[in-house]
């Protein structure tokens, strides 16, 4: 029979606190993996790490290695494709590193676990503002534009995009009856994207567009 020790309680409490800090940030941003999820991930990784020493003292890395595999499945579940872009990568990365923080706590590396938690919070809270600031000056987006072939032409569309001062690359063209669907990779700043969106919405021949 395995008895819980005072050290085990401390490890689980530290894992709970660190997971809660990460979870609060994700919960504030209404992300799929929020407060309760990240607490359970850090505490679970801590418990598995503790058990890896108790069950197989000769090769404690076997259970710990399987934590990474299990976390990979959870992380994949929060990645979604919305239109032309993929979202959830940051949340999946947070889940992955939350498990690493739980493992560090389970091994008793409290300073490492705490330091990494602070670093992750800085990345999530402060660097996201810096990222949004840079996005004002340059972004790469993928557009899917559909229009009626008889009322509009591909050449005319590209002339209009060029006139807006946008750099673009045509990735693919599809035709469905009299409708053309064009996929573009476009480099521009925030204001130029706003002009492009306004142009596409005001052009009657354009049936739809996705970003």
N, C-alpha and C. Protein backbone atom coordinates (compact mmCIF):
# COMPACT_ATOMS: atom_id res chain seq x y z
N UNK A 1 0.85 -1.20 0.00
CA UNK A 1 0.00 0.00 0.00
C UNK A 1 0.88 1.24 0.00
N UNK A 2 0.54 2.20 -0.85
CA UNK A 2 1.32 3.44 -0.96
C UNK A 2 0.69 4.52 -0.08
N UNK A 3 1.47 5.06 0.83
CA UNK A 3 1.00 6.14 1.68
C UNK A 3 1.41 7.48 1.08
N UNK A 4 0.53 8.46 1.21
CA UNK A 4 0.86 9.80 0.75
C UNK A 4 1.73 10.48 1.80
N UNK A 5 2.77 11.12 1.36
CA UNK A 5 3.71 11.77 2.27
C UNK A 5 3.48 13.29 2.27
N UNK A 6 4.11 13.92 3.24
CA UNK A 6 4.02 15.38 3.35
C UNK A 6 4.59 16.04 2.10
N UNK A 7 5.66 15.47 1.57
CA UNK A 7 6.27 16.00 0.33
C UNK A 7 5.32 15.90 -0.85
N UNK A 8 4.58 14.78 -0.88
CA UNK A 8 3.60 14.61 -1.97
C UNK A 8 2.54 15.69 -1.92
N UNK A 9 2.07 16.01 -0.73
CA UNK A 9 1.04 17.04 -0.56
C UNK A 9 1.56 18.39 -1.03
N UNK A 10 2.81 18.69 -0.68
CA UNK A 10 3.41 19.95 -1.11
C UNK A 10 3.49 20.01 -2.63
N UNK A 11 3.93 18.92 -3.24
CA UNK A 11 4.06 18.88 -4.70
C UNK A 11 2.71 19.09 -5.38
N UNK A 12 1.68 18.42 -4.89
CA UNK A 12 0.34 18.54 -5.48
C UNK A 12 -0.19 19.96 -5.29
N UNK A 13 0.06 20.56 -4.11
CA UNK A 13 -0.40 21.93 -3.85
C UNK A 13 0.30 22.93 -4.77
N UNK A 14 1.61 22.74 -4.96
CA UNK A 14 2.36 23.63 -5.86
C UNK A 14 1.85 23.48 -7.29
N UNK A 15 1.62 22.23 -7.72
CA UNK A 15 1.10 21.98 -9.07
C UNK A 15 -0.26 22.63 -9.25
N UNK A 16 -1.11 22.54 -8.23
CA UNK A 16 -2.44 23.17 -8.27
C UNK A 16 -2.31 24.67 -8.47
N UNK A 17 -1.42 25.30 -7.67
CA UNK A 17 -1.27 26.76 -7.74
C UNK A 17 -0.73 27.20 -9.10
N UNK A 18 0.28 26.49 -9.61
CA UNK A 18 0.87 26.87 -10.90
C UNK A 18 -0.12 26.64 -12.05
N UNK A 19 -0.84 25.54 -11.99
CA UNK A 19 -1.86 25.28 -13.01
C UNK A 19 -2.97 26.31 -12.97
N UNK A 20 -3.32 26.76 -11.75
CA UNK A 20 -4.37 27.77 -11.60
C UNK A 20 -3.94 29.10 -12.22
N UNK A 21 -2.66 29.46 -12.07
CA UNK A 21 -2.16 30.71 -12.66
C UNK A 21 -2.27 30.67 -14.19
N UNK A 22 -1.86 29.56 -14.78
CA UNK A 22 -1.97 29.42 -16.23
C UNK A 22 -3.44 29.38 -16.66
N UNK A 23 -4.24 28.66 -15.90
CA UNK A 23 -5.65 28.51 -16.23
C UNK A 23 -6.42 29.81 -16.16
N UNK A 24 -6.08 30.67 -15.21
CA UNK A 24 -6.77 31.96 -15.09
C UNK A 24 -6.54 32.82 -16.33
N UNK A 25 -5.32 32.80 -16.85
CA UNK A 25 -5.02 33.58 -18.05
C UNK A 25 -5.80 33.05 -19.24
N UNK A 26 -5.85 31.73 -19.40
CA UNK A 26 -6.59 31.13 -20.52
C UNK A 26 -8.10 31.32 -20.35
N UNK A 27 -8.57 31.26 -19.10
CA UNK A 27 -10.00 31.46 -18.82
C UNK A 27 -10.41 32.89 -19.13
N UNK A 28 -9.54 33.83 -18.79
CA UNK A 28 -9.82 35.25 -19.05
C UNK A 28 -10.00 35.50 -20.54
N UNK A 29 -9.27 34.77 -21.35
CA UNK A 29 -9.35 34.93 -22.80
C UNK A 29 -10.36 33.98 -23.45
N UNK A 30 -11.13 33.26 -22.59
CA UNK A 30 -12.19 32.35 -23.05
C UNK A 30 -11.66 31.29 -24.01
N UNK A 31 -10.54 30.69 -23.65
CA UNK A 31 -9.95 29.64 -24.47
C UNK A 31 -10.51 28.27 -24.08
N UNK A 32 -10.43 27.27 -24.98
CA UNK A 32 -11.01 25.95 -24.70
C UNK A 32 -10.44 25.29 -23.44
N UNK A 33 -9.13 25.38 -23.24
CA UNK A 33 -8.50 24.82 -22.04
C UNK A 33 -8.34 25.94 -21.03
N UNK A 34 -9.22 25.96 -20.04
CA UNK A 34 -9.22 27.07 -19.09
C UNK A 34 -8.75 26.68 -17.71
N UNK A 35 -9.38 27.26 -16.70
CA UNK A 35 -8.96 27.16 -15.30
C UNK A 35 -8.90 25.71 -14.82
N UNK A 36 -10.01 24.99 -14.88
CA UNK A 36 -10.04 23.62 -14.34
C UNK A 36 -9.17 22.67 -15.15
N UNK A 37 -9.18 22.84 -16.47
CA UNK A 37 -8.42 21.92 -17.34
C UNK A 37 -6.93 21.98 -17.05
N UNK A 38 -6.38 23.18 -16.97
CA UNK A 38 -4.93 23.31 -16.76
C UNK A 38 -4.53 22.89 -15.34
N UNK A 39 -5.41 23.10 -14.37
CA UNK A 39 -5.12 22.60 -13.02
C UNK A 39 -5.02 21.08 -13.05
N UNK A 40 -5.99 20.44 -13.70
CA UNK A 40 -5.97 18.97 -13.74
C UNK A 40 -4.77 18.43 -14.51
N UNK A 41 -4.34 19.16 -15.54
CA UNK A 41 -3.17 18.71 -16.31
C UNK A 41 -1.91 18.79 -15.46
N UNK A 42 -1.69 19.91 -14.78
CA UNK A 42 -0.48 20.05 -13.97
C UNK A 42 -0.49 19.08 -12.78
N UNK A 43 -1.64 18.97 -12.12
CA UNK A 43 -1.73 18.04 -10.98
C UNK A 43 -1.59 16.60 -11.46
N UNK A 44 -2.24 16.27 -12.58
CA UNK A 44 -2.13 14.92 -13.12
C UNK A 44 -0.71 14.55 -13.50
N UNK A 45 -0.01 15.47 -14.16
CA UNK A 45 1.39 15.22 -14.54
C UNK A 45 2.26 15.05 -13.30
N UNK A 46 1.96 15.82 -12.26
CA UNK A 46 2.71 15.70 -11.00
C UNK A 46 2.50 14.34 -10.36
N UNK A 47 1.24 13.91 -10.29
CA UNK A 47 0.93 12.61 -9.67
C UNK A 47 1.58 11.47 -10.46
N UNK A 48 1.50 11.52 -11.80
CA UNK A 48 2.12 10.48 -12.61
C UNK A 48 3.64 10.44 -12.40
N UNK A 49 4.23 11.62 -12.25
CA UNK A 49 5.68 11.67 -12.03
C UNK A 49 6.05 11.08 -10.67
N UNK A 50 5.24 11.39 -9.66
CA UNK A 50 5.46 10.81 -8.33
C UNK A 50 5.35 9.28 -8.40
N UNK A 51 4.30 8.81 -9.09
CA UNK A 51 4.09 7.36 -9.21
C UNK A 51 5.19 6.67 -10.01
N UNK A 52 5.79 7.40 -10.96
CA UNK A 52 6.85 6.80 -11.78
C UNK A 52 8.03 6.39 -10.92
N UNK A 53 8.27 7.12 -9.82
CA UNK A 53 9.34 6.76 -8.89
C UNK A 53 8.91 5.62 -7.97
N UNK A 54 7.63 5.64 -7.57
CA UNK A 54 7.16 4.63 -6.61
C UNK A 54 7.01 3.26 -7.25
N UNK A 55 6.46 3.25 -8.47
CA UNK A 55 6.15 1.97 -9.12
C UNK A 55 7.39 1.32 -9.73
N UNK A 56 8.18 2.11 -10.46
CA UNK A 56 9.37 1.55 -11.13
C UNK A 56 10.57 2.42 -10.84
N UNK A 57 11.18 2.22 -9.70
CA UNK A 57 12.32 3.04 -9.29
C UNK A 57 13.52 2.83 -10.20
N UNK A 58 13.57 1.67 -10.88
CA UNK A 58 14.69 1.40 -11.77
C UNK A 58 14.63 2.21 -13.05
N UNK A 59 13.41 2.33 -13.60
CA UNK A 59 13.23 3.09 -14.86
C UNK A 59 12.05 4.06 -14.69
N UNK A 60 12.21 5.12 -13.93
CA UNK A 60 11.10 6.04 -13.69
C UNK A 60 10.69 6.85 -14.92
N UNK A 61 11.53 6.80 -15.95
CA UNK A 61 11.22 7.58 -17.15
C UNK A 61 10.11 6.97 -18.00
N UNK A 62 9.76 5.71 -17.78
CA UNK A 62 8.77 5.05 -18.64
C UNK A 62 7.39 5.69 -18.51
N UNK A 63 6.92 5.89 -17.29
CA UNK A 63 5.61 6.52 -17.08
C UNK A 63 5.67 7.98 -17.50
N UNK A 64 6.76 8.66 -17.13
CA UNK A 64 6.91 10.08 -17.46
C UNK A 64 6.87 10.30 -18.96
N UNK A 65 7.48 9.39 -19.72
CA UNK A 65 7.49 9.53 -21.18
C UNK A 65 6.09 9.43 -21.75
N UNK A 66 5.24 8.60 -21.15
CA UNK A 66 3.88 8.43 -21.64
C UNK A 66 3.00 9.63 -21.33
N UNK A 67 3.40 10.46 -20.37
CA UNK A 67 2.65 11.70 -20.10
C UNK A 67 2.67 12.57 -21.35
N UNK A 68 3.82 12.66 -21.99
CA UNK A 68 3.97 13.51 -23.19
C UNK A 68 3.05 13.02 -24.30
N UNK A 69 2.96 11.68 -24.46
CA UNK A 69 2.08 11.12 -25.49
C UNK A 69 0.62 11.45 -25.20
N UNK A 70 0.21 11.28 -23.95
CA UNK A 70 -1.17 11.57 -23.58
C UNK A 70 -1.53 13.03 -23.75
N UNK A 71 -0.61 13.91 -23.39
CA UNK A 71 -0.85 15.34 -23.52
C UNK A 71 -0.97 15.73 -24.99
N UNK A 72 -0.25 15.02 -25.87
CA UNK A 72 -0.36 15.29 -27.30
C UNK A 72 -1.78 15.12 -27.82
N UNK A 73 -2.49 14.10 -27.32
CA UNK A 73 -3.88 13.89 -27.74
C UNK A 73 -4.79 15.00 -27.23
N UNK A 74 -4.56 15.44 -26.00
CA UNK A 74 -5.39 16.52 -25.45
C UNK A 74 -5.14 17.81 -26.22
N UNK A 75 -3.86 18.09 -26.48
CA UNK A 75 -3.53 19.31 -27.22
C UNK A 75 -4.13 19.34 -28.61
N UNK A 76 -4.15 18.18 -29.27
CA UNK A 76 -4.72 18.12 -30.62
C UNK A 76 -6.20 18.44 -30.62
N UNK A 77 -6.87 18.17 -29.49
CA UNK A 77 -8.31 18.40 -29.41
C UNK A 77 -8.72 19.86 -29.35
N UNK A 78 -7.78 20.76 -29.07
CA UNK A 78 -8.13 22.19 -28.97
C UNK A 78 -7.69 22.98 -30.20
N UNK A 79 -7.16 22.29 -31.21
CA UNK A 79 -6.74 22.95 -32.45
C UNK A 79 -7.87 22.84 -33.46
N UNK A 80 -8.33 23.98 -33.95
CA UNK A 80 -9.46 24.02 -34.87
C UNK A 80 -9.08 24.79 -36.13
N UNK A 81 -9.69 24.39 -37.24
CA UNK A 81 -9.54 25.12 -38.50
C UNK A 81 -10.79 25.95 -38.70
N UNK A 82 -10.62 27.26 -38.71
CA UNK A 82 -11.73 28.17 -38.89
C UNK A 82 -11.53 28.94 -40.19
N UNK A 83 -12.30 28.56 -41.20
CA UNK A 83 -12.14 29.21 -42.49
C UNK A 83 -10.77 28.90 -43.07
N UNK A 84 -9.98 29.98 -43.30
CA UNK A 84 -8.67 29.81 -43.92
C UNK A 84 -7.54 29.78 -42.89
N UNK A 85 -7.87 29.84 -41.60
CA UNK A 85 -6.81 29.89 -40.60
C UNK A 85 -7.01 28.82 -39.53
N UNK A 86 -5.93 28.49 -38.86
CA UNK A 86 -5.94 27.50 -37.79
C UNK A 86 -5.82 28.22 -36.46
N UNK A 87 -6.67 27.87 -35.51
CA UNK A 87 -6.62 28.49 -34.18
C UNK A 87 -6.44 27.42 -33.12
N UNK A 88 -6.00 27.83 -31.95
CA UNK A 88 -5.82 26.91 -30.84
C UNK A 88 -4.39 26.45 -30.62
N UNK A 89 -3.47 26.91 -31.48
CA UNK A 89 -2.08 26.47 -31.34
C UNK A 89 -1.47 26.95 -30.02
N UNK A 90 -1.78 28.19 -29.64
CA UNK A 90 -1.23 28.71 -28.39
C UNK A 90 -1.77 27.95 -27.19
N UNK A 91 -3.08 27.64 -27.20
CA UNK A 91 -3.68 26.87 -26.11
C UNK A 91 -3.09 25.47 -26.04
N UNK A 92 -2.89 24.84 -27.22
CA UNK A 92 -2.29 23.51 -27.25
C UNK A 92 -0.87 23.54 -26.68
N UNK A 93 -0.12 24.60 -27.02
CA UNK A 93 1.24 24.74 -26.48
C UNK A 93 1.22 24.95 -24.98
N UNK A 94 0.20 25.69 -24.49
CA UNK A 94 0.07 25.92 -23.04
C UNK A 94 -0.21 24.61 -22.32
N UNK A 95 -1.06 23.76 -22.92
CA UNK A 95 -1.34 22.45 -22.33
C UNK A 95 -0.06 21.62 -22.25
N UNK A 96 0.71 21.66 -23.33
CA UNK A 96 1.96 20.89 -23.39
C UNK A 96 2.93 21.34 -22.30
N UNK A 97 3.08 22.65 -22.16
CA UNK A 97 4.05 23.15 -21.18
C UNK A 97 3.50 23.04 -19.76
N UNK A 98 2.16 23.04 -19.60
CA UNK A 98 1.57 22.83 -18.27
C UNK A 98 1.91 21.43 -17.76
N UNK A 99 1.91 20.46 -18.67
CA UNK A 99 2.32 19.10 -18.29
C UNK A 99 3.79 19.06 -17.89
N UNK A 100 4.62 19.82 -18.62
CA UNK A 100 6.05 19.88 -18.27
C UNK A 100 6.25 20.51 -16.90
N UNK A 101 5.46 21.53 -16.59
CA UNK A 101 5.53 22.18 -15.27
C UNK A 101 5.10 21.19 -14.19
N UNK A 102 4.05 20.41 -14.48
CA UNK A 102 3.61 19.39 -13.53
C UNK A 102 4.67 18.33 -13.30
N UNK A 103 5.35 17.92 -14.36
CA UNK A 103 6.43 16.92 -14.22
C UNK A 103 7.58 17.49 -13.40
N UNK A 104 7.95 18.75 -13.66
CA UNK A 104 9.04 19.38 -12.89
C UNK A 104 8.67 19.44 -11.41
N UNK A 105 7.40 19.74 -11.13
CA UNK A 105 6.94 19.79 -9.74
C UNK A 105 7.00 18.40 -9.12
N UNK A 106 6.59 17.39 -9.89
CA UNK A 106 6.63 16.02 -9.39
C UNK A 106 8.04 15.55 -9.06
N UNK A 107 9.02 16.05 -9.79
CA UNK A 107 10.41 15.71 -9.52
C UNK A 107 11.00 16.54 -8.38
N UNK A 108 10.23 17.54 -7.93
CA UNK A 108 10.70 18.40 -6.84
C UNK A 108 11.49 19.61 -7.30
N UNK A 109 11.47 19.89 -8.59
CA UNK A 109 12.19 21.06 -9.13
C UNK A 109 11.26 22.28 -9.07
N UNK A 110 11.01 22.77 -7.87
CA UNK A 110 10.02 23.84 -7.65
C UNK A 110 10.44 25.16 -8.31
N UNK A 111 11.72 25.49 -8.19
CA UNK A 111 12.17 26.75 -8.78
C UNK A 111 12.05 26.71 -10.31
N UNK A 112 12.37 25.57 -10.89
CA UNK A 112 12.23 25.42 -12.34
C UNK A 112 10.76 25.55 -12.75
N UNK A 113 9.88 24.85 -12.04
CA UNK A 113 8.45 24.89 -12.36
C UNK A 113 7.89 26.31 -12.20
N UNK A 114 8.26 26.97 -11.10
CA UNK A 114 7.78 28.33 -10.87
C UNK A 114 8.33 29.32 -11.88
N UNK A 115 9.62 29.19 -12.21
CA UNK A 115 10.23 30.09 -13.17
C UNK A 115 9.63 29.95 -14.55
N UNK A 116 9.38 28.71 -14.98
CA UNK A 116 8.78 28.48 -16.29
C UNK A 116 7.34 29.02 -16.32
N UNK A 117 6.62 28.86 -15.23
CA UNK A 117 5.24 29.39 -15.16
C UNK A 117 5.23 30.90 -15.34
N UNK A 118 6.14 31.58 -14.67
CA UNK A 118 6.23 33.04 -14.82
C UNK A 118 6.58 33.42 -16.25
N UNK A 119 7.53 32.68 -16.84
CA UNK A 119 7.93 32.95 -18.22
C UNK A 119 6.75 32.76 -19.17
N UNK A 120 5.97 31.69 -18.98
CA UNK A 120 4.82 31.43 -19.85
C UNK A 120 3.77 32.54 -19.70
N UNK A 121 3.55 33.00 -18.48
CA UNK A 121 2.58 34.09 -18.27
C UNK A 121 3.03 35.38 -18.95
N UNK A 122 4.33 35.63 -18.92
CA UNK A 122 4.87 36.81 -19.62
C UNK A 122 4.62 36.68 -21.13
N UNK A 123 4.87 35.48 -21.65
CA UNK A 123 4.66 35.24 -23.08
C UNK A 123 3.19 35.44 -23.45
N UNK A 124 2.29 34.87 -22.64
CA UNK A 124 0.86 34.92 -22.95
C UNK A 124 0.26 36.30 -22.77
N UNK A 125 0.72 37.03 -21.75
CA UNK A 125 0.07 38.30 -21.40
C UNK A 125 0.75 39.51 -22.04
N UNK A 126 2.07 39.52 -22.05
CA UNK A 126 2.77 40.71 -22.54
C UNK A 126 3.14 40.61 -24.01
N UNK A 127 3.65 39.47 -24.43
CA UNK A 127 4.09 39.35 -25.81
C UNK A 127 2.93 39.34 -26.79
N UNK A 128 1.72 38.98 -26.32
CA UNK A 128 0.56 39.04 -27.20
C UNK A 128 0.25 40.47 -27.60
N UNK A 129 0.49 41.42 -26.68
CA UNK A 129 0.30 42.84 -27.00
C UNK A 129 1.33 43.30 -28.03
N UNK A 130 2.56 42.83 -27.87
CA UNK A 130 3.61 43.16 -28.83
C UNK A 130 3.29 42.57 -30.20
N UNK A 131 2.73 41.37 -30.19
CA UNK A 131 2.34 40.71 -31.44
C UNK A 131 1.25 41.50 -32.16
N UNK A 132 0.26 41.96 -31.40
CA UNK A 132 -0.81 42.77 -31.99
C UNK A 132 -0.28 44.08 -32.54
N UNK A 133 0.73 44.64 -31.86
CA UNK A 133 1.32 45.90 -32.32
C UNK A 133 2.01 45.71 -33.67
N UNK A 134 2.77 44.62 -33.82
CA UNK A 134 3.45 44.35 -35.08
C UNK A 134 2.46 44.01 -36.20
N UNK A 135 1.32 43.41 -35.81
CA UNK A 135 0.31 43.06 -36.81
C UNK A 135 -0.27 44.30 -37.50
N UNK A 136 -0.18 45.44 -36.84
CA UNK A 136 -0.66 46.68 -37.46
C UNK A 136 0.17 47.04 -38.68
N UNK A 137 1.44 46.63 -38.68
CA UNK A 137 2.37 47.00 -39.74
C UNK A 137 2.56 45.92 -40.79
N UNK A 138 2.38 44.66 -40.38
CA UNK A 138 2.57 43.58 -41.37
C UNK A 138 1.90 42.30 -40.88
N UNK A 139 1.14 41.70 -41.79
CA UNK A 139 0.52 40.42 -41.54
C UNK A 139 0.48 39.62 -42.84
N UNK A 140 0.42 38.33 -42.69
CA UNK A 140 0.21 37.45 -43.84
C UNK A 140 -1.12 36.75 -43.62
N UNK A 141 -2.02 36.92 -44.59
CA UNK A 141 -3.34 36.29 -44.50
C UNK A 141 -3.63 35.52 -45.77
N UNK A 142 -4.52 34.54 -45.64
CA UNK A 142 -4.93 33.73 -46.79
C UNK A 142 -6.40 34.02 -47.08
N UNK A 143 -6.67 34.44 -48.30
CA UNK A 143 -8.02 34.81 -48.71
C UNK A 143 -8.59 33.78 -49.69
N UNK A 144 -9.86 33.49 -49.52
CA UNK A 144 -10.62 32.68 -50.47
C UNK A 144 -11.72 33.58 -51.03
N UNK A 145 -11.63 33.90 -52.31
CA UNK A 145 -12.55 34.85 -52.93
C UNK A 145 -13.34 34.14 -54.03
N UNK A 146 -14.66 34.26 -53.96
CA UNK A 146 -15.55 33.65 -54.96
C UNK A 146 -16.28 34.74 -55.72
N UNK A 147 -16.34 34.61 -57.06
CA UNK A 147 -17.06 35.59 -57.86
C UNK A 147 -17.63 34.93 -59.12
N UNK A 148 -18.60 35.60 -59.72
CA UNK A 148 -19.25 35.09 -60.92
C UNK A 148 -18.36 35.37 -62.12
N UNK A 149 -18.02 34.32 -62.86
CA UNK A 149 -17.06 34.45 -63.95
C UNK A 149 -17.56 35.38 -65.06
N UNK A 150 -18.83 35.35 -65.35
CA UNK A 150 -19.35 36.18 -66.42
C UNK A 150 -19.41 37.66 -66.09
N UNK A 151 -19.46 37.97 -64.79
CA UNK A 151 -19.58 39.36 -64.37
C UNK A 151 -18.25 39.99 -63.97
N UNK A 152 -17.25 39.15 -63.79
CA UNK A 152 -15.96 39.62 -63.28
C UNK A 152 -14.88 38.71 -63.84
N UNK A 153 -13.65 39.18 -63.88
CA UNK A 153 -12.56 38.33 -64.37
C UNK A 153 -11.43 38.29 -63.35
N UNK A 154 -10.63 37.24 -63.48
CA UNK A 154 -9.49 37.08 -62.58
C UNK A 154 -8.49 38.22 -62.77
N UNK A 155 -8.28 38.64 -63.98
CA UNK A 155 -7.35 39.72 -64.27
C UNK A 155 -7.83 41.03 -63.65
N UNK A 156 -9.14 41.28 -63.73
CA UNK A 156 -9.70 42.50 -63.16
C UNK A 156 -9.58 42.50 -61.64
N UNK A 157 -9.82 41.36 -61.04
CA UNK A 157 -9.68 41.24 -59.59
C UNK A 157 -8.25 41.54 -59.16
N UNK A 158 -7.29 40.96 -59.86
CA UNK A 158 -5.89 41.15 -59.48
C UNK A 158 -5.42 42.57 -59.74
N UNK A 159 -5.95 43.22 -60.77
CA UNK A 159 -5.63 44.64 -61.00
C UNK A 159 -6.14 45.50 -59.85
N UNK A 160 -7.33 45.19 -59.38
CA UNK A 160 -7.90 45.96 -58.26
C UNK A 160 -7.13 45.73 -56.96
N UNK A 161 -6.68 44.49 -56.75
CA UNK A 161 -5.90 44.19 -55.54
C UNK A 161 -4.56 44.92 -55.61
N UNK A 162 -3.94 44.93 -56.79
CA UNK A 162 -2.67 45.64 -56.97
C UNK A 162 -2.85 47.14 -56.76
N UNK A 163 -3.97 47.67 -57.22
CA UNK A 163 -4.25 49.11 -57.08
C UNK A 163 -4.37 49.51 -55.61
N UNK A 164 -4.72 48.56 -54.76
CA UNK A 164 -4.81 48.84 -53.33
C UNK A 164 -3.44 48.80 -52.65
N UNK A 165 -2.41 48.46 -53.41
CA UNK A 165 -1.05 48.43 -52.89
C UNK A 165 -0.70 47.17 -52.13
N UNK A 166 -1.36 46.05 -52.46
CA UNK A 166 -1.15 44.80 -51.74
C UNK A 166 -0.20 43.87 -52.50
N UNK A 167 0.64 43.18 -51.76
CA UNK A 167 1.48 42.13 -52.34
C UNK A 167 0.74 40.80 -52.18
N UNK A 168 0.59 40.08 -53.27
CA UNK A 168 -0.18 38.83 -53.20
C UNK A 168 0.45 37.74 -54.06
N UNK A 169 0.08 36.52 -53.70
CA UNK A 169 0.50 35.35 -54.47
C UNK A 169 -0.72 34.46 -54.65
N UNK A 170 -1.00 34.10 -55.88
CA UNK A 170 -2.15 33.24 -56.17
C UNK A 170 -1.76 31.79 -55.92
N UNK A 171 -2.46 31.12 -55.00
CA UNK A 171 -2.13 29.74 -54.66
C UNK A 171 -2.91 28.71 -55.46
N UNK A 172 -4.19 29.03 -55.73
CA UNK A 172 -5.02 28.03 -56.41
C UNK A 172 -6.24 28.71 -57.02
N UNK A 173 -6.76 28.12 -58.10
CA UNK A 173 -7.98 28.60 -58.73
C UNK A 173 -8.89 27.40 -58.99
N UNK A 174 -10.16 27.52 -58.59
CA UNK A 174 -11.13 26.46 -58.81
C UNK A 174 -12.34 27.03 -59.54
N UNK A 175 -12.95 26.20 -60.39
CA UNK A 175 -14.14 26.64 -61.12
C UNK A 175 -15.29 25.68 -60.86
N UNK A 176 -16.44 26.25 -60.52
CA UNK A 176 -17.65 25.47 -60.27
C UNK A 176 -18.79 26.11 -61.06
N UNK A 177 -19.13 25.49 -62.21
CA UNK A 177 -20.10 26.08 -63.14
C UNK A 177 -19.61 27.45 -63.58
N UNK A 178 -20.36 28.50 -63.27
CA UNK A 178 -19.93 29.84 -63.69
C UNK A 178 -19.28 30.62 -62.54
N UNK A 179 -18.90 29.92 -61.50
CA UNK A 179 -18.29 30.57 -60.33
C UNK A 179 -16.81 30.22 -60.23
N UNK A 180 -15.99 31.23 -60.03
CA UNK A 180 -14.55 31.03 -59.81
C UNK A 180 -14.22 31.24 -58.34
N UNK A 181 -13.38 30.36 -57.82
CA UNK A 181 -12.91 30.48 -56.43
C UNK A 181 -11.39 30.59 -56.48
N UNK A 182 -10.86 31.69 -55.96
CA UNK A 182 -9.42 31.95 -56.02
C UNK A 182 -8.86 32.02 -54.60
N UNK A 183 -7.72 31.41 -54.41
CA UNK A 183 -7.04 31.41 -53.11
C UNK A 183 -5.78 32.26 -53.22
N UNK A 184 -5.66 33.25 -52.34
CA UNK A 184 -4.51 34.15 -52.37
C UNK A 184 -3.79 34.17 -51.02
N UNK A 185 -2.48 34.30 -51.09
CA UNK A 185 -1.67 34.64 -49.92
C UNK A 185 -1.32 36.12 -50.05
N UNK A 186 -1.71 36.92 -49.07
CA UNK A 186 -1.57 38.37 -49.19
C UNK A 186 -0.74 38.92 -48.03
N UNK A 187 0.25 39.77 -48.36
CA UNK A 187 1.07 40.47 -47.37
C UNK A 187 0.63 41.92 -47.32
N UNK A 188 0.23 42.40 -46.14
CA UNK A 188 -0.23 43.79 -46.04
C UNK A 188 -0.25 44.22 -44.58
N UNK A 189 -0.57 45.50 -44.36
CA UNK A 189 -0.75 45.98 -43.00
C UNK A 189 -2.24 46.03 -42.67
N UNK A 190 -2.54 46.40 -41.45
CA UNK A 190 -3.91 46.37 -40.97
C UNK A 190 -4.83 47.27 -41.79
N UNK A 191 -4.36 48.47 -42.11
CA UNK A 191 -5.18 49.41 -42.86
C UNK A 191 -5.44 48.91 -44.28
N UNK A 192 -4.43 48.30 -44.91
CA UNK A 192 -4.60 47.77 -46.27
C UNK A 192 -5.59 46.61 -46.30
N UNK A 193 -5.57 45.78 -45.28
CA UNK A 193 -6.55 44.69 -45.20
C UNK A 193 -7.97 45.25 -45.06
N UNK A 194 -8.09 46.32 -44.30
CA UNK A 194 -9.40 46.95 -44.13
C UNK A 194 -9.92 47.48 -45.47
N UNK A 195 -9.03 48.07 -46.26
CA UNK A 195 -9.42 48.57 -47.58
C UNK A 195 -9.84 47.41 -48.51
N UNK A 196 -9.09 46.31 -48.43
CA UNK A 196 -9.40 45.14 -49.26
C UNK A 196 -10.76 44.56 -48.88
N UNK A 197 -11.02 44.43 -47.59
CA UNK A 197 -12.31 43.89 -47.13
C UNK A 197 -13.46 44.79 -47.58
N UNK A 198 -13.27 46.10 -47.47
CA UNK A 198 -14.31 47.04 -47.91
C UNK A 198 -14.56 46.90 -49.41
N UNK A 199 -13.48 46.78 -50.17
CA UNK A 199 -13.60 46.63 -51.63
C UNK A 199 -14.37 45.36 -51.99
N UNK A 200 -14.03 44.24 -51.34
CA UNK A 200 -14.68 42.97 -51.65
C UNK A 200 -16.15 42.99 -51.26
N UNK A 201 -16.47 43.65 -50.15
CA UNK A 201 -17.87 43.72 -49.72
C UNK A 201 -18.70 44.62 -50.62
N UNK A 202 -18.08 45.62 -51.20
CA UNK A 202 -18.81 46.56 -52.05
C UNK A 202 -18.90 46.12 -53.51
N UNK A 203 -18.09 45.15 -53.90
CA UNK A 203 -18.10 44.66 -55.28
C UNK A 203 -19.21 43.63 -55.44
N UNK A 204 -20.21 43.94 -56.25
CA UNK A 204 -21.39 43.09 -56.38
C UNK A 204 -21.06 41.74 -57.01
N UNK A 205 -20.08 41.70 -57.90
CA UNK A 205 -19.73 40.44 -58.57
C UNK A 205 -19.08 39.43 -57.61
N UNK A 206 -18.52 39.92 -56.52
CA UNK A 206 -17.90 39.04 -55.53
C UNK A 206 -19.01 38.41 -54.68
N UNK A 207 -19.17 37.11 -54.78
CA UNK A 207 -20.24 36.43 -54.04
C UNK A 207 -19.89 36.24 -52.57
N UNK A 208 -18.64 35.92 -52.30
CA UNK A 208 -18.22 35.71 -50.91
C UNK A 208 -16.70 35.74 -50.82
N UNK A 209 -16.20 35.94 -49.60
CA UNK A 209 -14.76 35.81 -49.35
C UNK A 209 -14.55 35.39 -47.90
N UNK A 210 -13.48 34.63 -47.70
CA UNK A 210 -13.11 34.16 -46.37
C UNK A 210 -11.66 34.49 -46.11
N UNK A 211 -11.34 34.70 -44.83
CA UNK A 211 -9.97 35.00 -44.42
C UNK A 211 -9.51 33.95 -43.43
